[in-house]
């Protein structure tokens, strides 16, 4: 009789959600990751953020800025120009 080996699941759990392209307008493949603890998830997120280039970080920062401050955007989605007016006044003595 053969000796049974214990079950080992050392592979990373990756589940892919395959949805119609119509839902997003272009071909996007979503990946769902399963974590056994919050610490493991936090490490994964930190590693992903570390691997971003400076330009990618700036793009994400601009997207967040537009989401948070959307009421200050112009109708075309751009930011209003900053007023470059300097006024000098006499100091009060």
PDB file of N, CA and C in Angstrom:
ATOM      1  N   UNK A   1       0.833  -1.172   0.000  1.00  0.00           N
ATOM      2  CA  UNK A   1       0.000   0.000   0.000  1.00  0.00           C
ATOM      3  C   UNK A   1       0.891   1.253   0.000  1.00  0.00           C
ATOM      4  N   UNK A   2       0.573   2.197  -0.880  1.00  0.00           N
ATOM      5  CA  UNK A   2       1.357   3.416  -1.002  1.00  0.00           C
ATOM      6  C   UNK A   2       1.097   4.350   0.175  1.00  0.00           C
ATOM      7  N   UNK A   3       2.169   4.987   0.566  1.00  0.00           N
ATOM      8  CA  UNK A   3       2.028   5.966   1.638  1.00  0.00           C
ATOM      9  C   UNK A   3       1.502   7.275   1.043  1.00  0.00           C
ATOM     10  N   UNK A   4       0.416   7.781   1.612  1.00  0.00           N
ATOM     11  CA  UNK A   4      -0.185   9.009   1.093  1.00  0.00           C
ATOM     12  C   UNK A   4       0.604  10.215   1.590  1.00  0.00           C
ATOM     13  N   UNK A   5       0.807  11.138   0.676  1.00  0.00           N
ATOM     14  CA  UNK A   5       1.498  12.366   1.039  1.00  0.00           C
ATOM     15  C   UNK A   5       0.477  13.373   1.569  1.00  0.00           C
ATOM     16  N   UNK A   6       0.870  14.180   2.512  1.00  0.00           N
ATOM     17  CA  UNK A   6      -0.066  15.182   3.039  1.00  0.00           C
ATOM     18  C   UNK A   6      -0.396  16.218   1.977  1.00  0.00           C
ATOM     19  N   UNK A   7      -1.569  16.782   2.098  1.00  0.00           N
ATOM     20  CA  UNK A   7      -2.036  17.791   1.158  1.00  0.00           C
ATOM     21  C   UNK A   7      -1.287  19.094   1.399  1.00  0.00           C
ATOM     22  N   UNK A   8      -0.660  19.607   0.354  1.00  0.00           N
ATOM     23  CA  UNK A   8       0.065  20.867   0.452  1.00  0.00           C
ATOM     24  C   UNK A   8      -0.489  21.824  -0.590  1.00  0.00           C
ATOM     25  N   UNK A   9      -0.903  22.970  -0.115  1.00  0.00           N
ATOM     26  CA  UNK A   9      -1.417  23.990  -1.018  1.00  0.00           C
ATOM     27  C   UNK A   9      -0.527  25.214  -0.898  1.00  0.00           C
ATOM     28  N   UNK A  10       0.657  25.139  -1.489  1.00  0.00           N
ATOM     29  CA  UNK A  10       1.615  26.228  -1.408  1.00  0.00           C
ATOM     30  C   UNK A  10       1.446  27.234  -2.536  1.00  0.00           C
ATOM     31  N   UNK A  11       0.561  26.962  -3.455  1.00  0.00           N
ATOM     32  CA  UNK A  11       0.362  27.856  -4.587  1.00  0.00           C
ATOM     33  C   UNK A  11      -0.414  29.086  -4.138  1.00  0.00           C
ATOM     34  N   UNK A  12      -0.100  30.205  -4.786  1.00  0.00           N
ATOM     35  CA  UNK A  12      -0.816  31.435  -4.501  1.00  0.00           C
ATOM     36  C   UNK A  12      -2.242  31.310  -5.038  1.00  0.00           C
ATOM     37  N   UNK A  13      -3.194  31.690  -4.216  1.00  0.00           N
ATOM     38  CA  UNK A  13      -4.588  31.590  -4.630  1.00  0.00           C
ATOM     39  C   UNK A  13      -4.939  32.794  -5.496  1.00  0.00           C
ATOM     40  N   UNK A  14      -5.165  32.565  -6.760  1.00  0.00           N
ATOM     41  CA  UNK A  14      -5.531  33.622  -7.686  1.00  0.00           C
ATOM     42  C   UNK A  14      -6.800  33.196  -8.403  1.00  0.00           C
ATOM     43  N   UNK A  15      -7.794  34.054  -8.300  1.00  0.00           N
ATOM     44  CA  UNK A  15      -9.070  33.787  -8.963  1.00  0.00           C
ATOM     45  C   UNK A  15      -9.294  34.903  -9.976  1.00  0.00           C
ATOM     46  N   UNK A  16      -9.555  34.550 -11.203  1.00  0.00           N
ATOM     47  CA  UNK A  16      -9.763  35.554 -12.229  1.00  0.00           C
ATOM     48  C   UNK A  16     -11.245  35.657 -12.541  1.00  0.00           C
ATOM     49  N   UNK A  17     -11.729  36.888 -12.531  1.00  0.00           N
ATOM     50  CA  UNK A  17     -13.124  37.138 -12.880  1.00  0.00           C
ATOM     51  C   UNK A  17     -13.170  37.497 -14.359  1.00  0.00           C
ATOM     52  N   UNK A  18     -13.785  36.676 -15.140  1.00  0.00           N
ATOM     53  CA  UNK A  18     -13.886  36.931 -16.574  1.00  0.00           C
ATOM     54  C   UNK A  18     -15.300  37.426 -16.866  1.00  0.00           C
ATOM     55  N   UNK A  19     -15.390  38.696 -17.197  1.00  0.00           N
ATOM     56  CA  UNK A  19     -16.672  39.323 -17.472  1.00  0.00           C
ATOM     57  C   UNK A  19     -16.680  39.801 -18.911  1.00  0.00           C
ATOM     58  N   UNK A  20     -17.860  40.045 -19.451  1.00  0.00           N
ATOM     59  CA  UNK A  20     -17.916  40.529 -20.830  1.00  0.00           C
ATOM     60  C   UNK A  20     -17.206  41.870 -20.979  1.00  0.00           C
ATOM     61  N   UNK A  21     -16.570  42.077 -22.121  1.00  0.00           N
ATOM     62  CA  UNK A  21     -15.868  43.328 -22.375  1.00  0.00           C
ATOM     63  C   UNK A  21     -16.821  44.507 -22.418  1.00  0.00           C
ATOM     64  N   UNK A  22     -18.083  44.262 -22.686  1.00  0.00           N
ATOM     65  CA  UNK A  22     -19.070  45.330 -22.782  1.00  0.00           C
ATOM     66  C   UNK A  22     -19.218  46.038 -21.434  1.00  0.00           C
ATOM     67  N   UNK A  23     -19.025  45.317 -20.347  1.00  0.00           N
ATOM     68  CA  UNK A  23     -19.211  45.896 -19.015  1.00  0.00           C
ATOM     69  C   UNK A  23     -18.227  47.029 -18.745  1.00  0.00           C
ATOM     70  N   UNK A  24     -17.023  46.982 -19.296  1.00  0.00           N
ATOM     71  CA  UNK A  24     -16.015  47.995 -19.028  1.00  0.00           C
ATOM     72  C   UNK A  24     -15.654  48.825 -20.248  1.00  0.00           C
ATOM     73  N   UNK A  25     -16.098  48.460 -21.400  1.00  0.00           N
ATOM     74  CA  UNK A  25     -15.797  49.215 -22.593  1.00  0.00           C
ATOM     75  C   UNK A  25     -14.484  48.841 -23.254  1.00  0.00           C
ATOM     76  N   UNK A  26     -13.621  48.137 -22.568  1.00  0.00           N
ATOM     77  CA  UNK A  26     -12.378  47.663 -23.163  1.00  0.00           C
ATOM     78  C   UNK A  26     -11.961  46.393 -22.436  1.00  0.00           C
ATOM     79  N   UNK A  27     -10.982  45.729 -22.986  1.00  0.00           N
ATOM     80  CA  UNK A  27     -10.564  44.449 -22.420  1.00  0.00           C
ATOM     81  C   UNK A  27      -9.770  44.660 -21.132  1.00  0.00           C
ATOM     82  N   UNK A  28     -10.352  44.256 -20.010  1.00  0.00           N
ATOM     83  CA  UNK A  28      -9.698  44.341 -18.708  1.00  0.00           C
ATOM     84  C   UNK A  28      -9.845  42.989 -18.033  1.00  0.00           C
ATOM     85  N   UNK A  29      -8.750  42.454 -17.571  1.00  0.00           N
ATOM     86  CA  UNK A  29      -8.800  41.184 -16.860  1.00  0.00           C
ATOM     87  C   UNK A  29      -8.608  41.469 -15.377  1.00  0.00           C
ATOM     88  N   UNK A  30      -9.623  41.168 -14.578  1.00  0.00           N
ATOM     89  CA  UNK A  30      -9.584  41.421 -13.140  1.00  0.00           C
ATOM     90  C   UNK A  30      -9.031  40.194 -12.423  1.00  0.00           C
ATOM     91  N   UNK A  31      -8.264  40.435 -11.380  1.00  0.00           N
ATOM     92  CA  UNK A  31      -7.720  39.362 -10.568  1.00  0.00           C
ATOM     93  C   UNK A  31      -8.140  39.586  -9.123  1.00  0.00           C
ATOM     94  N   UNK A  32      -8.681  38.561  -8.514  1.00  0.00           N
ATOM     95  CA  UNK A  32      -9.094  38.613  -7.116  1.00  0.00           C
ATOM     96  C   UNK A  32      -8.083  37.815  -6.314  1.00  0.00           C
ATOM     97  N   UNK A  33      -7.552  38.412  -5.285  1.00  0.00           N
ATOM     98  CA  UNK A  33      -6.549  37.741  -4.458  1.00  0.00           C
ATOM     99  C   UNK A  33      -7.145  37.433  -3.092  1.00  0.00           C
ATOM    100  N   UNK A  34      -6.831  36.271  -2.564  1.00  0.00           N
ATOM    101  CA  UNK A  34      -7.307  35.848  -1.254  1.00  0.00           C
ATOM    102  C   UNK A  34      -6.128  35.888  -0.281  1.00  0.00           C
ATOM    103  N   UNK A  35      -6.353  36.435   0.902  1.00  0.00           N
ATOM    104  CA  UNK A  35      -5.308  36.535   1.921  1.00  0.00           C
ATOM    105  C   UNK A  35      -5.786  35.832   3.178  1.00  0.00           C
ATOM    106  N   UNK A  36      -4.836  35.277   3.901  1.00  0.00           N
ATOM    107  CA  UNK A  36      -5.186  34.566   5.124  1.00  0.00           C
ATOM    108  C   UNK A  36      -5.201  35.490   6.342  1.00  0.00           C
ATOM    109  N   UNK A  37      -4.643  36.700   6.204  1.00  0.00           N
ATOM    110  CA  UNK A  37      -4.652  37.640   7.327  1.00  0.00           C
ATOM    111  C   UNK A  37      -4.558  39.068   6.786  1.00  0.00           C
ATOM    112  N   UNK A  38      -4.884  40.027   7.658  1.00  0.00           N
ATOM    113  CA  UNK A  38      -4.790  41.427   7.261  1.00  0.00           C
ATOM    114  C   UNK A  38      -3.333  41.841   7.068  1.00  0.00           C
ATOM    115  N   UNK A  39      -2.441  41.256   7.848  1.00  0.00           N
ATOM    116  CA  UNK A  39      -1.028  41.572   7.715  1.00  0.00           C
ATOM    117  C   UNK A  39      -0.502  41.159   6.339  1.00  0.00           C
ATOM    118  N   UNK A  40      -0.910  39.995   5.897  1.00  0.00           N
ATOM    119  CA  UNK A  40      -0.499  39.514   4.571  1.00  0.00           C
ATOM    120  C   UNK A  40      -1.021  40.444   3.477  1.00  0.00           C
ATOM    121  N   UNK A  41      -2.255  40.899   3.631  1.00  0.00           N
ATOM    122  CA  UNK A  41      -2.841  41.833   2.662  1.00  0.00           C
ATOM    123  C   UNK A  41      -2.081  43.158   2.671  1.00  0.00           C
ATOM    124  N   UNK A  42      -1.772  43.677   3.859  1.00  0.00           N
ATOM    125  CA  UNK A  42      -1.049  44.942   3.968  1.00  0.00           C
ATOM    126  C   UNK A  42       0.335  44.846   3.347  1.00  0.00           C
ATOM    127  N   UNK A  43       1.013  43.718   3.519  1.00  0.00           N
ATOM    128  CA  UNK A  43       2.322  43.519   2.895  1.00  0.00           C
ATOM    129  C   UNK A  43       2.208  43.516   1.374  1.00  0.00           C
ATOM    130  N   UNK A  44       1.180  42.863   0.855  1.00  0.00           N
ATOM    131  CA  UNK A  44       0.978  42.809  -0.598  1.00  0.00           C
ATOM    132  C   UNK A  44       0.716  44.211  -1.149  1.00  0.00           C
ATOM    133  N   UNK A  45      -0.139  44.979  -0.474  1.00  0.00           N
ATOM    134  CA  UNK A  45      -0.458  46.335  -0.928  1.00  0.00           C
ATOM    135  C   UNK A  45       0.782  47.218  -0.878  1.00  0.00           C
ATOM    136  N   UNK A  46       1.558  47.114   0.187  1.00  0.00           N
ATOM    137  CA  UNK A  46       2.785  47.909   0.308  1.00  0.00           C
ATOM    138  C   UNK A  46       3.769  47.566  -0.806  1.00  0.00           C
ATOM    139  N   UNK A  47       3.883  46.276  -1.141  1.00  0.00           N
ATOM    140  CA  UNK A  47       4.786  45.861  -2.215  1.00  0.00           C
ATOM    141  C   UNK A  47       4.313  46.403  -3.566  1.00  0.00           C
ATOM    142  N   UNK A  48       2.996  46.389  -3.805  1.00  0.00           N
ATOM    143  CA  UNK A  48       2.458  46.917  -5.056  1.00  0.00           C
ATOM    144  C   UNK A  48       2.712  48.420  -5.165  1.00  0.00           C
ATOM    145  N   UNK A  49       2.513  49.146  -4.073  1.00  0.00           N
ATOM    146  CA  UNK A  49       2.748  50.593  -4.093  1.00  0.00           C
ATOM    147  C   UNK A  49       4.224  50.904  -4.291  1.00  0.00           C
ATOM    148  N   UNK A  50       5.105  50.106  -3.701  1.00  0.00           N
ATOM    149  CA  UNK A  50       6.538  50.302  -3.840  1.00  0.00           C
ATOM    150  C   UNK A  50       6.980  50.130  -5.291  1.00  0.00           C
ATOM    151  N   UNK A  51       6.324  49.240  -6.023  1.00  0.00           N
ATOM    152  CA  UNK A  51       6.709  48.943  -7.398  1.00  0.00           C
ATOM    153  C   UNK A  51       6.201  49.983  -8.401  1.00  0.00           C
ATOM    154  N   UNK A  52       5.356  50.928  -7.970  1.00  0.00           N
ATOM    155  CA  UNK A  52       4.851  51.955  -8.881  1.00  0.00           C
ATOM    156  C   UNK A  52       5.956  52.947  -9.227  1.00  0.00           C
ATOM    157  N   UNK A  53       5.930  53.425 -10.462  1.00  0.00           N
ATOM    158  CA  UNK A  53       6.886  54.460 -10.854  1.00  0.00           C
ATOM    159  C   UNK A  53       6.366  55.815 -10.377  1.00  0.00           C
ATOM    160  N   UNK A  54       7.203  56.820 -10.442  1.00  0.00           N
ATOM    161  CA  UNK A  54       6.814  58.155 -10.003  1.00  0.00           C
ATOM    162  C   UNK A  54       5.647  58.681 -10.835  1.00  0.00           C
ATOM    163  N   UNK A  55       5.681  58.445 -12.139  1.00  0.00           N
ATOM    164  CA  UNK A  55       4.608  58.921 -13.015  1.00  0.00           C
ATOM    165  C   UNK A  55       3.271  58.255 -12.682  1.00  0.00           C
ATOM    166  N   UNK A  56       3.308  56.947 -12.402  1.00  0.00           N
ATOM    167  CA  UNK A  56       2.072  56.248 -12.034  1.00  0.00           C
ATOM    168  C   UNK A  56       1.517  56.783 -10.718  1.00  0.00           C
ATOM    169  N   UNK A  57       2.402  57.073  -9.771  1.00  0.00           N
ATOM    170  CA  UNK A  57       1.946  57.643  -8.503  1.00  0.00           C
ATOM    171  C   UNK A  57       1.293  58.997  -8.711  1.00  0.00           C
ATOM    172  N   UNK A  58       1.867  59.800  -9.595  1.00  0.00           N
ATOM    173  CA  UNK A  58       1.296  61.125  -9.869  1.00  0.00           C
ATOM    174  C   UNK A  58      -0.068  61.012 -10.538  1.00  0.00           C
ATOM    175  N   UNK A  59      -0.233  60.033 -11.422  1.00  0.00           N
ATOM    176  CA  UNK A  59      -1.528  59.817 -12.071  1.00  0.00           C
ATOM    177  C   UNK A  59      -2.572  59.441 -11.033  1.00  0.00           C
ATOM    178  N   UNK A  60      -2.242  58.518 -10.131  1.00  0.00           N
ATOM    179  CA  UNK A  60      -3.189  58.111  -9.094  1.00  0.00           C
ATOM    180  C   UNK A  60      -3.495  59.259  -8.136  1.00  0.00           C
ATOM    181  N   UNK A  61      -2.475  60.056  -7.803  1.00  0.00           N
ATOM    182  CA  UNK A  61      -2.694  61.201  -6.916  1.00  0.00           C
ATOM    183  C   UNK A  61      -3.639  62.213  -7.566  1.00  0.00           C
ATOM    184  N   UNK A  62      -3.476  62.436  -8.858  1.00  0.00           N
ATOM    185  CA  UNK A  62      -4.367  63.375  -9.569  1.00  0.00           C
ATOM    186  C   UNK A  62      -5.791  62.833  -9.634  1.00  0.00           C
ATOM    187  N   UNK A  63      -5.956  61.523  -9.834  1.00  0.00           N
ATOM    188  CA  UNK A  63      -7.293  60.935  -9.839  1.00  0.00           C
ATOM    189  C   UNK A  63      -7.970  61.097  -8.479  1.00  0.00           C
ATOM    190  N   UNK A  64      -7.218  60.841  -7.401  1.00  0.00           N
ATOM    191  CA  UNK A  64      -7.774  61.017  -6.058  1.00  0.00           C
ATOM    192  C   UNK A  64      -8.113  62.472  -5.785  1.00  0.00           C
ATOM    193  N   UNK A  65      -7.242  63.367  -6.218  1.00  0.00           N
ATOM    194  CA  UNK A  65      -7.480  64.796  -6.025  1.00  0.00           C
ATOM    195  C   UNK A  65      -8.758  65.239  -6.726  1.00  0.00           C
ATOM    196  N   UNK A  66      -8.974  64.743  -7.941  1.00  0.00           N
ATOM    197  CA  UNK A  66     -10.192  65.103  -8.670  1.00  0.00           C
ATOM    198  C   UNK A  66     -11.437  64.500  -8.029  1.00  0.00           C
ATOM    199  N   UNK A  67     -11.315  63.297  -7.434  1.00  0.00           N
ATOM    200  CA  UNK A  67     -12.473  62.700  -6.756  1.00  0.00           C
ATOM    201  C   UNK A  67     -12.833  63.488  -5.500  1.00  0.00           C
ATOM    202  N   UNK A  68     -11.829  63.899  -4.740  1.00  0.00           N
ATOM    203  CA  UNK A  68     -12.088  64.583  -3.474  1.00  0.00           C
ATOM    204  C   UNK A  68     -12.555  66.020  -3.702  1.00  0.00           C
ATOM    205  N   UNK A  69     -11.907  66.733  -4.625  1.00  0.00           N
ATOM    206  CA  UNK A  69     -12.204  68.143  -4.848  1.00  0.00           C
ATOM    207  C   UNK A  69     -12.971  68.368  -6.150  1.00  0.00           C
ATOM    208  N   UNK A  70     -13.879  67.482  -6.485  1.00  0.00           N
ATOM    209  CA  UNK A  70     -14.597  67.563  -7.760  1.00  0.00           C
ATOM    210  C   UNK A  70     -15.433  68.831  -7.883  1.00  0.00           C
ATOM    211  N   UNK A  71     -15.878  69.402  -6.772  1.00  0.00           N
ATOM    212  CA  UNK A  71     -16.728  70.594  -6.863  1.00  0.00           C
ATOM    213  C   UNK A  71     -15.943  71.834  -7.272  1.00  0.00           C
ATOM    214  N   UNK A  72     -14.612  71.789  -7.217  1.00  0.00           N
ATOM    215  CA  UNK A  72     -13.788  72.926  -7.612  1.00  0.00           C
ATOM    216  C   UNK A  72     -13.303  72.837  -9.061  1.00  0.00           C
ATOM    217  N   UNK A  73     -13.636  71.760  -9.755  1.00  0.00           N
ATOM    218  CA  UNK A  73     -13.203  71.600 -11.144  1.00  0.00           C
ATOM    219  C   UNK A  73     -14.070  72.435 -12.078  1.00  0.00           C
ATOM    220  N   UNK A  74     -13.482  72.830 -13.188  1.00  0.00           N
ATOM    221  CA  UNK A  74     -14.249  73.495 -14.233  1.00  0.00           C
ATOM    222  C   UNK A  74     -15.095  72.457 -14.956  1.00  0.00           C
ATOM    223  N   UNK A  75     -16.125  72.882 -15.723  1.00  0.00           N
ATOM    224  CA  UNK A  75     -16.983  71.906 -16.412  1.00  0.00           C
ATOM    225  C   UNK A  75     -16.249  70.943 -17.342  1.00  0.00           C
ATOM    226  N   UNK A  76     -15.107  71.353 -17.890  1.00  0.00           N
ATOM    227  CA  UNK A  76     -14.360  70.456 -18.790  1.00  0.00           C
ATOM    228  C   UNK A  76     -13.427  69.517 -18.037  1.00  0.00           C
ATOM    229  N   UNK A  77     -13.432  69.548 -16.690  1.00  0.00           N
ATOM    230  CA  UNK A  77     -12.633  68.625 -15.899  1.00  0.00           C
ATOM    231  C   UNK A  77     -11.238  69.115 -15.582  1.00  0.00           C
ATOM    232  N   UNK A  78     -10.936  70.371 -15.897  1.00  0.00           N
ATOM    233  CA  UNK A  78      -9.620  70.924 -15.591  1.00  0.00           C
ATOM    234  C   UNK A  78      -9.715  71.808 -14.346  1.00  0.00           C
ATOM    235  N   UNK A  79      -8.559  72.166 -13.819  1.00  0.00           N
ATOM    236  CA  UNK A  79      -8.519  73.018 -12.641  1.00  0.00           C
ATOM    237  C   UNK A  79      -8.541  74.483 -13.056  1.00  0.00           C
ATOM    238  N   UNK A  80      -9.191  75.332 -12.282  1.00  0.00           N
ATOM    239  CA  UNK A  80      -9.165  76.761 -12.608  1.00  0.00           C
ATOM    240  C   UNK A  80      -7.759  77.319 -12.400  1.00  0.00           C
ATOM    241  N   UNK A  81      -7.394  78.347 -13.183  1.00  0.00           N
ATOM    242  CA  UNK A  81      -6.049  78.914 -13.019  1.00  0.00           C
ATOM    243  C   UNK A  81      -5.916  79.612 -11.664  1.00  0.00           C
ATOM    244  N   UNK A  82      -4.721  79.610 -11.158  1.00  0.00           N
ATOM    245  CA  UNK A  82      -4.446  80.270  -9.886  1.00  0.00           C
ATOM    246  C   UNK A  82      -4.251  81.756 -10.150  1.00  0.00           C
ATOM    247  N   UNK A  83      -4.927  82.583  -9.376  1.00  0.00           N
ATOM    248  CA  UNK A  83      -4.785  84.027  -9.534  1.00  0.00           C
ATOM    249  C   UNK A  83      -3.384  84.446  -9.126  1.00  0.00           C
ATOM    250  N   UNK A  84      -2.718  85.157 -10.022  1.00  0.00           N
ATOM    251  CA  UNK A  84      -1.348  85.592  -9.762  1.00  0.00           C
ATOM    252  C   UNK A  84      -1.322  87.082  -9.451  1.00  0.00           C
ATOM    253  N   UNK A  85      -2.111  87.475  -8.476  1.00  0.00           N
ATOM    254  CA  UNK A  85      -2.209  88.874  -8.090  1.00  0.00           C
ATOM    255  C   UNK A  85      -1.626  89.024  -6.693  1.00  0.00           C
ATOM    256  N   UNK A  86      -0.728  89.959  -6.570  1.00  0.00           N
ATOM    257  CA  UNK A  86      -0.120  90.237  -5.275  1.00  0.00           C
ATOM    258  C   UNK A  86      -0.551  91.626  -4.852  1.00  0.00           C
ATOM    259  N   UNK A  87      -1.083  91.742  -3.661  1.00  0.00           N
ATOM    260  CA  UNK A  87      -1.473  93.047  -3.139  1.00  0.00           C
ATOM    261  C   UNK A  87      -0.590  93.373  -1.950  1.00  0.00           C
ATOM    262  N   UNK A  88      -0.101  94.584  -1.944  1.00  0.00           N
ATOM    263  CA  UNK A  88       0.727  95.053  -0.841  1.00  0.00           C
ATOM    264  C   UNK A  88      -0.081  96.075  -0.055  1.00  0.00           C
ATOM    265  N   UNK A  89      -0.001  95.993   1.224  1.00  0.00           N
ATOM    266  CA  UNK A  89      -0.695  96.959   2.060  1.00  0.00           C
ATOM    267  C   UNK A  89       0.276  97.518   3.085  1.00  0.00           C
ATOM    268  N   UNK A  90      -0.036  98.702   3.586  1.00  0.00           N
ATOM    269  CA  UNK A  90       0.810  99.333   4.583  1.00  0.00           C
ATOM    270  C   UNK A  90       0.665  98.596   5.909  1.00  0.00           C
ATOM    271  N   UNK A  91       1.765  98.380   6.607  1.00  0.00           N
ATOM    272  CA  UNK A  91       1.656  97.704   7.909  1.00  0.00           C
ATOM    273  C   UNK A  91       0.989  98.643   8.917  1.00  0.00           C
ATOM    274  N   UNK A  92       0.236  98.048   9.809  1.00  0.00           N
ATOM    275  CA  UNK A  92      -0.430  98.849  10.841  1.00  0.00           C
ATOM    276  C   UNK A  92       0.553  99.111  11.965  1.00  0.00           C
ATOM    277  N   UNK A  93       0.651 100.379  12.342  1.00  0.00           N
ATOM    278  CA  UNK A  93       1.544 100.705  13.448  1.00  0.00           C
ATOM    279  C   UNK A  93       0.815 101.291  14.617  1.00  0.00           C
TER     280      UNK A  93
END
